[in-house]
Amino acid sequence: MALKGNLQDFTPTQLFNLIKLARKTGSLTIEGNQGTARLYCDDGKLVCASLGNEPPPLDDILLRAGKISEEQARIVDSQKGPHLDKAIALRLMTMRYLAREEIMEALQAQMSEAAYTVFTWSKGSFRFDPDVLPPSSQIVISVNLDDILAEGSRRLKEAEKLEEMLPNLDVVLRFTTRPDVKMRNVNLSVDEWKAISFINPRNTIRKIAGYAGMDEGQIRKVVGRLLSEGLVELVGRETPKPVLAPAVPIVRKPAAGMSAPMQRNIVLRLIDRIRRL
């Protein structure tokens, strides 16, 4: 029997902790405003995770990770046979494009990033289906949930600090007028260069995010870095403290119309139901 719930009552961190402690096997589907995530666990360990309705093909993962070139991806894709992850991996190793270890490293990175992203989702729903494993055509990797929880919690705290620093995305950025900022001493990422290219008096931070194809979490991280480096400033507002400055902890509020004891009771009932699945 599947277990369903709301992320406002039972956070991703609590879900992962319970799956680990109860050593559950099954699939966890999380749907929020940011999209859909599907994660599979086996005996309390994460074995597969992806964002979106379908997991990306292996050659796409390897191409984005820089493990293979576009030409190599085209050659592998043109080979006869099933276009399934295990078959693609076998072709890559047979053609000596990649070693098994390199393929597994890219898959683990992709899977971990998908899991980390879910930690920052606070609104949406989840469904846990016990004893459901990934399709046999997919390559699975066993990852300890302790590692996922540690890094996911760190990113969640970072996201909370960024949200506190930039609560309003409908403000405008401008390049700093400080004479002591030296652009040549700063190394910018691709996303940071994208954001900079859209800075003008007509574009709010929210608009820049839309033009650059970023969600709220991504644009806050990018703008936070640019602010902390002193490269940009907010128009009409005092520049906020850098991201690394101590922040007031953010306490999740109970859902509207629900007292704290009621919320705790719901969480305890969910924990008990998952343990019994």
C-alpha atoms as a PDB file:
ATOM      1  CA  MET A   1       0.000   0.000   0.000  1.00  0.00           C
ATOM      2  CA  ALA A   2       1.416   3.391  -1.046  1.00  0.00           C
ATOM      3  CA  LEU A   3       1.997   6.181   1.469  1.00  0.00           C
ATOM      4  CA  LYS A   4       1.059   9.716   0.446  1.00  0.00           C
ATOM      5  CA  GLY A   5       1.710  12.996   2.194  1.00  0.00           C
ATOM      6  CA  ASN A   6       2.471  16.706   2.028  1.00  0.00           C
ATOM      7  CA  LEU A   7       5.957  18.245   2.178  1.00  0.00           C
ATOM      8  CA  GLN A   8       4.708  20.903   4.573  1.00  0.00           C
ATOM      9  CA  ASP A   9       3.980  18.152   7.089  1.00  0.00           C
ATOM     10  CA  PHE A  10       6.853  15.792   6.285  1.00  0.00           C
ATOM     11  CA  THR A  11      10.009  17.304   4.747  1.00  0.00           C
ATOM     12  CA  PRO A  12      12.384  15.537   2.307  1.00  0.00           C
ATOM     13  CA  THR A  13      14.993  15.431   5.078  1.00  0.00           C
ATOM     14  CA  GLN A  14      12.577  13.545   7.348  1.00  0.00           C
ATOM     15  CA  LEU A  15      11.625  11.192   4.502  1.00  0.00           C
ATOM     16  CA  PHE A  16      15.232  10.291   3.719  1.00  0.00           C
ATOM     17  CA  ASN A  17      16.052   9.843   7.384  1.00  0.00           C
ATOM     18  CA  LEU A  18      13.131   7.484   7.885  1.00  0.00           C
ATOM     19  CA  ILE A  19      13.932   5.444   4.758  1.00  0.00           C
ATOM     20  CA  LYS A  20      17.505   5.079   6.003  1.00  0.00           C
ATOM     21  CA  LEU A  21      16.597   4.168   9.601  1.00  0.00           C
ATOM     22  CA  ALA A  22      13.807   1.760   8.598  1.00  0.00           C
ATOM     23  CA  ARG A  23      15.969   0.330   5.760  1.00  0.00           C
ATOM     24  CA  LYS A  24      13.041   0.605   3.380  1.00  0.00           C
ATOM     25  CA  THR A  25      12.936  -0.583  -0.239  1.00  0.00           C
ATOM     26  CA  GLY A  26      10.715   1.230  -2.716  1.00  0.00           C
ATOM     27  CA  SER A  27      10.207   4.256  -4.911  1.00  0.00           C
ATOM     28  CA  LEU A  28       9.725   7.805  -3.642  1.00  0.00           C
ATOM     29  CA  THR A  29       8.025  10.279  -5.988  1.00  0.00           C
ATOM     30  CA  ILE A  30       8.042  13.951  -4.994  1.00  0.00           C
ATOM     31  CA  GLU A  31       6.049  16.562  -6.884  1.00  0.00           C
ATOM     32  CA  GLY A  32       6.465  20.272  -6.230  1.00  0.00           C
ATOM     33  CA  ASN A  33       6.306  23.621  -7.976  1.00  0.00           C
ATOM     34  CA  GLN A  34       9.872  22.996  -9.177  1.00  0.00           C
ATOM     35  CA  GLY A  35       8.964  19.759 -10.914  1.00  0.00           C
ATOM     36  CA  THR A  36       8.990  16.037 -10.211  1.00  0.00           C
ATOM     37  CA  ALA A  37      11.664  13.831  -8.669  1.00  0.00           C
ATOM     38  CA  ARG A  38      11.766  10.034  -8.642  1.00  0.00           C
ATOM     39  CA  LEU A  39      14.061   8.222  -6.251  1.00  0.00           C
ATOM     40  CA  TYR A  40      14.500   4.504  -5.644  1.00  0.00           C
ATOM     41  CA  CYS A  41      15.888   2.961  -2.481  1.00  0.00           C
ATOM     42  CA  ASP A  42      16.985  -0.566  -1.661  1.00  0.00           C
ATOM     43  CA  ASP A  43      17.452  -1.639   1.946  1.00  0.00           C
ATOM     44  CA  GLY A  44      17.724   1.983   3.069  1.00  0.00           C
ATOM     45  CA  LYS A  45      20.235   3.040   0.414  1.00  0.00           C
ATOM     46  CA  LEU A  46      19.683   5.270  -2.601  1.00  0.00           C
ATOM     47  CA  VAL A  47      20.142   3.319  -5.849  1.00  0.00           C
ATOM     48  CA  CYS A  48      18.598   5.598  -8.500  1.00  0.00           C
ATOM     49  CA  ALA A  49      17.355   9.193  -8.663  1.00  0.00           C
ATOM     50  CA  SER A  50      16.334  11.626 -11.377  1.00  0.00           C
ATOM     51  CA  LEU A  51      14.445  14.854 -11.935  1.00  0.00           C
ATOM     52  CA  GLY A  52      11.554  14.939 -14.390  1.00  0.00           C
ATOM     53  CA  ASN A  53       9.076  12.354 -15.565  1.00  0.00           C
ATOM     54  CA  GLU A  54      11.723  10.130 -17.143  1.00  0.00           C
ATOM     55  CA  PRO A  55      15.403   9.623 -16.229  1.00  0.00           C
ATOM     56  CA  PRO A  56      17.810  11.117 -18.790  1.00  0.00           C
ATOM     57  CA  PRO A  57      19.530   8.627 -21.151  1.00  0.00           C
ATOM     58  CA  LEU A  58      23.008   7.556 -20.118  1.00  0.00           C
ATOM     59  CA  ASP A  59      24.704   9.175 -23.130  1.00  0.00           C
ATOM     60  CA  ASP A  60      23.059  12.523 -22.270  1.00  0.00           C
ATOM     61  CA  ILE A  61      24.337  12.268 -18.679  1.00  0.00           C
ATOM     62  CA  LEU A  62      27.861  11.481 -19.859  1.00  0.00           C
ATOM     63  CA  LEU A  63      27.780  14.272 -22.452  1.00  0.00           C
ATOM     64  CA  ARG A  64      26.711  16.891 -19.878  1.00  0.00           C
ATOM     65  CA  ALA A  65      29.372  15.611 -17.474  1.00  0.00           C
ATOM     66  CA  GLY A  66      32.049  16.069 -20.131  1.00  0.00           C
ATOM     67  CA  LYS A  67      32.888  12.370 -20.157  1.00  0.00           C
ATOM     68  CA  ILE A  68      32.230  11.953 -23.886  1.00  0.00           C
ATOM     69  CA  SER A  69      32.163  14.331 -26.860  1.00  0.00           C
ATOM     70  CA  GLU A  70      29.151  15.078 -29.062  1.00  0.00           C
ATOM     71  CA  GLU A  71      30.772  13.061 -31.839  1.00  0.00           C
ATOM     72  CA  GLN A  72      31.244  10.050 -29.556  1.00  0.00           C
ATOM     73  CA  ALA A  73      27.631  10.336 -28.370  1.00  0.00           C
ATOM     74  CA  ARG A  74      26.442  10.414 -31.996  1.00  0.00           C
ATOM     75  CA  ILE A  75      28.510   7.328 -32.899  1.00  0.00           C
ATOM     76  CA  VAL A  76      27.250   5.367 -29.888  1.00  0.00           C
ATOM     77  CA  ASP A  77      23.662   6.406 -30.633  1.00  0.00           C
ATOM     78  CA  SER A  78      23.980   5.246 -34.260  1.00  0.00           C
ATOM     79  CA  GLN A  79      24.965   1.689 -33.287  1.00  0.00           C
ATOM     80  CA  LYS A  80      22.450  -1.088 -33.766  1.00  0.00           C
ATOM     81  CA  GLY A  81      20.777  -2.577 -30.747  1.00  0.00           C
ATOM     82  CA  PRO A  82      18.599  -1.357 -27.864  1.00  0.00           C
ATOM     83  CA  HIS A  83      19.051   2.241 -26.742  1.00  0.00           C
ATOM     84  CA  LEU A  84      19.013   1.351 -23.044  1.00  0.00           C
ATOM     85  CA  ASP A  85      21.470   2.450 -20.372  1.00  0.00           C
ATOM     86  CA  LYS A  86      23.107  -0.939 -19.869  1.00  0.00           C
ATOM     87  CA  ALA A  87      23.478  -1.432 -23.636  1.00  0.00           C
ATOM     88  CA  ILE A  88      24.932   2.062 -24.061  1.00  0.00           C
ATOM     89  CA  ALA A  89      27.425   1.472 -21.246  1.00  0.00           C
ATOM     90  CA  LEU A  90      28.549  -1.782 -22.858  1.00  0.00           C
ATOM     91  CA  ARG A  91      29.097  -0.032 -26.207  1.00  0.00           C
ATOM     92  CA  LEU A  92      31.095   2.754 -24.585  1.00  0.00           C
ATOM     93  CA  MET A  93      33.380   0.272 -22.844  1.00  0.00           C
ATOM     94  CA  THR A  94      33.694  -1.969 -25.929  1.00  0.00           C
ATOM     95  CA  MET A  95      34.661   1.035 -28.072  1.00  0.00           C
ATOM     96  CA  ARG A  96      37.150   2.081 -25.351  1.00  0.00           C
ATOM     97  CA  TYR A  97      35.570   5.507 -24.968  1.00  0.00           C
ATOM     98  CA  LEU A  98      35.145   5.113 -21.211  1.00  0.00           C
ATOM     99  CA  ALA A  99      36.033   2.744 -18.392  1.00  0.00           C
ATOM    100  CA  ARG A 100      33.351   1.323 -16.114  1.00  0.00           C
ATOM    101  CA  GLU A 101      34.578   3.502 -13.226  1.00  0.00           C
ATOM    102  CA  GLU A 102      34.101   6.699 -15.254  1.00  0.00           C
ATOM    103  CA  ILE A 103      30.536   5.755 -16.171  1.00  0.00           C
ATOM    104  CA  MET A 104      29.656   4.948 -12.571  1.00  0.00           C
ATOM    105  CA  GLU A 105      31.222   8.205 -11.354  1.00  0.00           C
ATOM    106  CA  ALA A 106      29.069  10.278 -13.730  1.00  0.00           C
ATOM    107  CA  LEU A 107      25.926   8.355 -12.794  1.00  0.00           C
ATOM    108  CA  GLN A 108      26.555   8.794  -9.078  1.00  0.00           C
ATOM    109  CA  ALA A 109      27.094  12.548  -9.521  1.00  0.00           C
ATOM    110  CA  GLN A 110      23.860  12.887 -11.520  1.00  0.00           C
ATOM    111  CA  MET A 111      21.911  10.819  -9.006  1.00  0.00           C
ATOM    112  CA  SER A 112      23.283  12.735  -6.021  1.00  0.00           C
ATOM    113  CA  GLU A 113      22.510  16.126  -7.598  1.00  0.00           C
ATOM    114  CA  ALA A 114      18.905  15.045  -8.177  1.00  0.00           C
ATOM    115  CA  ALA A 115      18.594  14.039  -4.520  1.00  0.00           C
ATOM    116  CA  TYR A 116      20.253  17.252  -3.269  1.00  0.00           C
ATOM    117  CA  THR A 117      17.824  19.377  -5.293  1.00  0.00           C
ATOM    118  CA  VAL A 118      14.839  17.832  -3.516  1.00  0.00           C
ATOM    119  CA  PHE A 119      16.086  19.007  -0.112  1.00  0.00           C
ATOM    120  CA  THR A 120      15.171  22.610  -0.925  1.00  0.00           C
ATOM    121  CA  TRP A 121      11.572  21.758  -1.898  1.00  0.00           C
ATOM    122  CA  SER A 122       9.181  22.860   0.837  1.00  0.00           C
ATOM    123  CA  LYS A 123       5.860  22.737  -1.026  1.00  0.00           C
ATOM    124  CA  GLY A 124       4.370  19.766  -2.821  1.00  0.00           C
ATOM    125  CA  SER A 125       3.405  16.167  -2.235  1.00  0.00           C
ATOM    126  CA  PHE A 126       5.140  12.803  -1.970  1.00  0.00           C
ATOM    127  CA  ARG A 127       4.252   9.169  -2.570  1.00  0.00           C
ATOM    128  CA  PHE A 128       6.227   6.173  -1.335  1.00  0.00           C
ATOM    129  CA  ASP A 129       5.528   2.828  -3.020  1.00  0.00           C
ATOM    130  CA  PRO A 130       7.120  -0.050  -1.087  1.00  0.00           C
ATOM    131  CA  ASP A 131       9.124  -2.792  -2.818  1.00  0.00           C
ATOM    132  CA  VAL A 132       9.265  -0.955  -6.168  1.00  0.00           C
ATOM    133  CA  LEU A 133      12.716  -0.934  -7.799  1.00  0.00           C
ATOM    134  CA  PRO A 134      14.029   0.770 -10.979  1.00  0.00           C
ATOM    135  CA  PRO A 135      13.472  -0.881 -14.371  1.00  0.00           C
ATOM    136  CA  SER A 136      15.974  -3.655 -15.105  1.00  0.00           C
ATOM    137  CA  SER A 137      17.371  -1.625 -18.033  1.00  0.00           C
ATOM    138  CA  GLN A 138      18.673   1.083 -15.690  1.00  0.00           C
ATOM    139  CA  ILE A 139      22.087   1.007 -14.049  1.00  0.00           C
ATOM    140  CA  VAL A 140      21.831   1.236 -10.272  1.00  0.00           C
ATOM    141  CA  ILE A 141      24.432   2.462  -7.787  1.00  0.00           C
ATOM    142  CA  SER A 142      24.218   1.978  -4.044  1.00  0.00           C
ATOM    143  CA  VAL A 143      24.798   5.281  -2.218  1.00  0.00           C
ATOM    144  CA  ASN A 144      24.728   5.661   1.555  1.00  0.00           C
ATOM    145  CA  LEU A 145      21.927   8.034   2.544  1.00  0.00           C
ATOM    146  CA  ASP A 146      24.126   9.447   5.345  1.00  0.00           C
ATOM    147  CA  ASP A 147      26.268  11.136   2.677  1.00  0.00           C
ATOM    148  CA  ILE A 148      23.195  12.429   0.838  1.00  0.00           C
ATOM    149  CA  LEU A 149      21.673  13.752   4.067  1.00  0.00           C
ATOM    150  CA  ALA A 150      24.868  15.554   5.104  1.00  0.00           C
ATOM    151  CA  GLU A 151      25.351  17.376   1.797  1.00  0.00           C
ATOM    152  CA  GLY A 152      21.615  17.930   1.296  1.00  0.00           C
ATOM    153  CA  SER A 153      21.310  19.525   4.747  1.00  0.00           C
ATOM    154  CA  ARG A 154      24.268  21.797   4.016  1.00  0.00           C
ATOM    155  CA  ARG A 155      22.645  22.954   0.768  1.00  0.00           C
ATOM    156  CA  LEU A 156      19.320  23.474   2.522  1.00  0.00           C
ATOM    157  CA  LYS A 157      20.949  25.784   5.086  1.00  0.00           C
ATOM    158  CA  GLU A 158      22.691  27.649   2.280  1.00  0.00           C
ATOM    159  CA  ALA A 159      19.371  28.053   0.436  1.00  0.00           C
ATOM    160  CA  GLU A 160      17.711  29.374   3.616  1.00  0.00           C
ATOM    161  CA  LYS A 161      20.480  31.949   4.079  1.00  0.00           C
ATOM    162  CA  LEU A 162      20.143  33.022   0.452  1.00  0.00           C
ATOM    163  CA  GLU A 163      16.370  33.353   0.799  1.00  0.00           C
ATOM    164  CA  GLU A 164      16.871  35.513   3.874  1.00  0.00           C
ATOM    165  CA  MET A 165      19.417  37.637   2.034  1.00  0.00           C
ATOM    166  CA  LEU A 166      17.241  37.964  -1.109  1.00  0.00           C
ATOM    167  CA  PRO A 167      13.606  37.590  -0.018  1.00  0.00           C
ATOM    168  CA  ASN A 168      12.372  39.743  -2.909  1.00  0.00           C
ATOM    169  CA  LEU A 169      13.314  38.771  -6.474  1.00  0.00           C
ATOM    170  CA  ASP A 170      11.362  41.661  -8.008  1.00  0.00           C
ATOM    171  CA  VAL A 171      14.242  44.102  -7.534  1.00  0.00           C
ATOM    172  CA  VAL A 172      16.806  45.357 -10.028  1.00  0.00           C
ATOM    173  CA  LEU A 173      20.555  44.828 -10.079  1.00  0.00           C
ATOM    174  CA  ARG A 174      23.201  47.221 -11.278  1.00  0.00           C
ATOM    175  CA  PHE A 175      26.936  46.904 -11.623  1.00  0.00           C
ATOM    176  CA  THR A 176      28.851  48.199  -8.636  1.00  0.00           C
ATOM    177  CA  THR A 177      30.368  51.662  -8.602  1.00  0.00           C
ATOM    178  CA  ARG A 178      32.987  50.665  -6.054  1.00  0.00           C
ATOM    179  CA  PRO A 179      36.464  51.503  -7.379  1.00  0.00           C
ATOM    180  CA  ASP A 180      38.182  48.726  -5.383  1.00  0.00           C
ATOM    181  CA  VAL A 181      36.470  45.845  -7.229  1.00  0.00           C
ATOM    182  CA  LYS A 182      38.764  44.199  -9.767  1.00  0.00           C
ATOM    183  CA  MET A 183      36.890  42.028 -12.233  1.00  0.00           C
ATOM    184  CA  ARG A 184      39.998  40.211 -13.401  1.00  0.00           C
ATOM    185  CA  ASN A 185      40.497  38.677  -9.966  1.00  0.00           C
ATOM    186  CA  VAL A 186      37.089  36.947  -9.999  1.00  0.00           C
ATOM    187  CA  ASN A 187      36.395  33.638 -11.745  1.00  0.00           C
ATOM    188  CA  LEU A 188      32.767  33.430 -12.801  1.00  0.00           C
ATOM    189  CA  SER A 189      30.753  30.323 -13.666  1.00  0.00           C
ATOM    190  CA  VAL A 190      28.710  29.955 -16.844  1.00  0.00           C
ATOM    191  CA  ASP A 191      25.491  30.717 -14.921  1.00  0.00           C
ATOM    192  CA  GLU A 192      27.033  33.842 -13.388  1.00  0.00           C
ATOM    193  CA  TRP A 193      28.073  35.116 -16.826  1.00  0.00           C
ATOM    194  CA  LYS A 194      24.529  34.427 -18.077  1.00  0.00           C
ATOM    195  CA  ALA A 195      23.027  36.479 -15.257  1.00  0.00           C
ATOM    196  CA  ILE A 196      25.451  39.352 -15.831  1.00  0.00           C
ATOM    197  CA  SER A 197      24.532  39.488 -19.525  1.00  0.00           C
ATOM    198  CA  PHE A 198      20.883  40.248 -18.637  1.00  0.00           C
ATOM    199  CA  ILE A 199      21.536  42.994 -16.076  1.00  0.00           C
ATOM    200  CA  ASN A 200      19.844  46.248 -17.107  1.00  0.00           C
ATOM    201  CA  PRO A 201      17.404  48.740 -15.500  1.00  0.00           C
ATOM    202  CA  ARG A 202      14.368  46.948 -16.988  1.00  0.00           C
ATOM    203  CA  ASN A 203      15.174  43.443 -15.749  1.00  0.00           C
ATOM    204  CA  THR A 204      14.366  42.357 -12.217  1.00  0.00           C
ATOM    205  CA  ILE A 205      16.172  39.381 -10.699  1.00  0.00           C
ATOM    206  CA  ARG A 206      13.071  37.291 -11.412  1.00  0.00           C
ATOM    207  CA  LYS A 207      13.156  38.267 -15.094  1.00  0.00           C
ATOM    208  CA  ILE A 208      16.865  37.482 -15.296  1.00  0.00           C
ATOM    209  CA  ALA A 209      16.133  34.020 -13.891  1.00  0.00           C
ATOM    210  CA  GLY A 210      13.504  33.459 -16.584  1.00  0.00           C
ATOM    211  CA  TYR A 211      15.773  34.613 -19.402  1.00  0.00           C
ATOM    212  CA  ALA A 212      18.670  32.487 -18.120  1.00  0.00           C
ATOM    213  CA  GLY A 213      16.516  29.389 -17.503  1.00  0.00           C
ATOM    214  CA  MET A 214      17.119  29.272 -13.736  1.00  0.00           C
ATOM    215  CA  ASP A 215      14.771  28.544 -10.856  1.00  0.00           C
ATOM    216  CA  GLU A 216      14.568  30.716  -7.727  1.00  0.00           C
ATOM    217  CA  GLY A 217      17.181  28.720  -5.861  1.00  0.00           C
ATOM    218  CA  GLN A 218      19.676  28.920  -8.711  1.00  0.00           C
ATOM    219  CA  ILE A 219      19.270  32.653  -9.298  1.00  0.00           C
ATOM    220  CA  ARG A 220      19.581  33.403  -5.577  1.00  0.00           C
ATOM    221  CA  LYS A 221      22.835  31.445  -5.467  1.00  0.00           C
ATOM    222  CA  VAL A 222      24.198  33.263  -8.524  1.00  0.00           C
ATOM    223  CA  VAL A 223      23.167  36.740  -7.356  1.00  0.00           C
ATOM    224  CA  GLY A 224      24.374  35.995  -3.831  1.00  0.00           C
ATOM    225  CA  ARG A 225      27.854  35.222  -5.192  1.00  0.00           C
ATOM    226  CA  LEU A 226      27.888  38.367  -7.349  1.00  0.00           C
ATOM    227  CA  LEU A 227      26.819  40.468  -4.354  1.00  0.00           C
ATOM    228  CA  SER A 228      29.383  38.904  -2.024  1.00  0.00           C
ATOM    229  CA  GLU A 229      32.134  39.575  -4.583  1.00  0.00           C
ATOM    230  CA  GLY A 230      31.018  43.197  -4.775  1.00  0.00           C
ATOM    231  CA  LEU A 231      30.364  43.018  -8.522  1.00  0.00           C
ATOM    232  CA  VAL A 232      26.714  44.086  -8.359  1.00  0.00           C
ATOM    233  CA  GLU A 233      24.384  45.873  -5.970  1.00  0.00           C
ATOM    234  CA  LEU A 234      20.634  46.155  -5.492  1.00  0.00           C
ATOM    235  CA  VAL A 235      19.058  49.337  -6.795  1.00  0.00           C
ATOM    236  CA  GLY A 236      17.307  51.418  -4.154  1.00  0.00           C
ATOM    237  CA  ARG A 237      18.304  49.142  -1.271  1.00  0.00           C
ATOM    238  CA  GLU A 238      21.211  48.783   1.053  1.00  0.00           C
ATOM    239  CA  THR A 239      23.416  45.932  -0.168  1.00  0.00           C
ATOM    240  CA  PRO A 240      22.744  42.879   2.056  1.00  0.00           C
ATOM    241  CA  LYS A 241      25.376  41.052   3.996  1.00  0.00           C
ATOM    242  CA  PRO A 242      27.440  38.409   2.154  1.00  0.00           C
ATOM    243  CA  VAL A 243      26.107  34.859   2.017  1.00  0.00           C
ATOM    244  CA  LEU A 244      28.669  33.631   4.540  1.00  0.00           C
ATOM    245  CA  ALA A 245      27.534  36.071   7.225  1.00  0.00           C
ATOM    246  CA  PRO A 246      25.663  34.510  10.180  1.00  0.00           C
ATOM    247  CA  ALA A 247      21.966  34.274   9.497  1.00  0.00           C
ATOM    248  CA  VAL A 248      18.965  34.071  11.776  1.00  0.00           C
ATOM    249  CA  PRO A 249      17.714  30.476  11.659  1.00  0.00           C
ATOM    250  CA  ILE A 250      14.557  29.989   9.668  1.00  0.00           C
ATOM    251  CA  VAL A 251      11.880  28.037  11.520  1.00  0.00           C
ATOM    252  CA  ARG A 252       9.317  26.253   9.389  1.00  0.00           C
ATOM    253  CA  LYS A 253       5.822  27.394  10.299  1.00  0.00           C
ATOM    254  CA  PRO A 254       3.021  24.870  10.730  1.00  0.00           C
ATOM    255  CA  ALA A 255       0.579  24.685   7.847  1.00  0.00           C
ATOM    256  CA  ALA A 256      -2.188  27.275   7.900  1.00  0.00           C
ATOM    257  CA  GLY A 257      -4.901  26.432  10.373  1.00  0.00           C
ATOM    258  CA  MET A 258      -2.828  23.688  11.984  1.00  0.00           C
ATOM    259  CA  SER A 259      -1.324  23.899  15.475  1.00  0.00           C
ATOM    260  CA  ALA A 260       2.204  22.673  16.206  1.00  0.00           C
ATOM    261  CA  PRO A 261       0.949  19.653  18.239  1.00  0.00           C
ATOM    262  CA  MET A 262      -1.363  18.672  15.361  1.00  0.00           C
ATOM    263  CA  GLN A 263       1.551  18.871  12.920  1.00  0.00           C
ATOM    264  CA  ARG A 264       3.728  16.700  15.191  1.00  0.00           C
ATOM    265  CA  ASN A 265       0.944  14.106  15.411  1.00  0.00           C
ATOM    266  CA  ILE A 266       0.732  13.931  11.619  1.00  0.00           C
ATOM    267  CA  VAL A 267       4.495  13.435  11.354  1.00  0.00           C
ATOM    268  CA  LEU A 268       4.431  10.674  13.985  1.00  0.00           C
ATOM    269  CA  ARG A 269       1.579   8.892  12.195  1.00  0.00           C
ATOM    270  CA  LEU A 270       3.449   9.097   8.878  1.00  0.00           C
ATOM    271  CA  ILE A 271       6.585   7.679  10.493  1.00  0.00           C
ATOM    272  CA  ASP A 272       4.598   4.799  11.952  1.00  0.00           C
ATOM    273  CA  ARG A 273       2.936   4.049   8.600  1.00  0.00           C
ATOM    274  CA  ILE A 274       6.227   4.025   6.690  1.00  0.00           C
ATOM    275  CA  ARG A 275       7.773   1.682   9.250  1.00  0.00           C
ATOM    276  CA  ARG A 276       4.852  -0.731   8.778  1.00  0.00           C
ATOM    277  CA  LEU A 277       4.954  -0.692   4.934  1.00  0.00           C
END
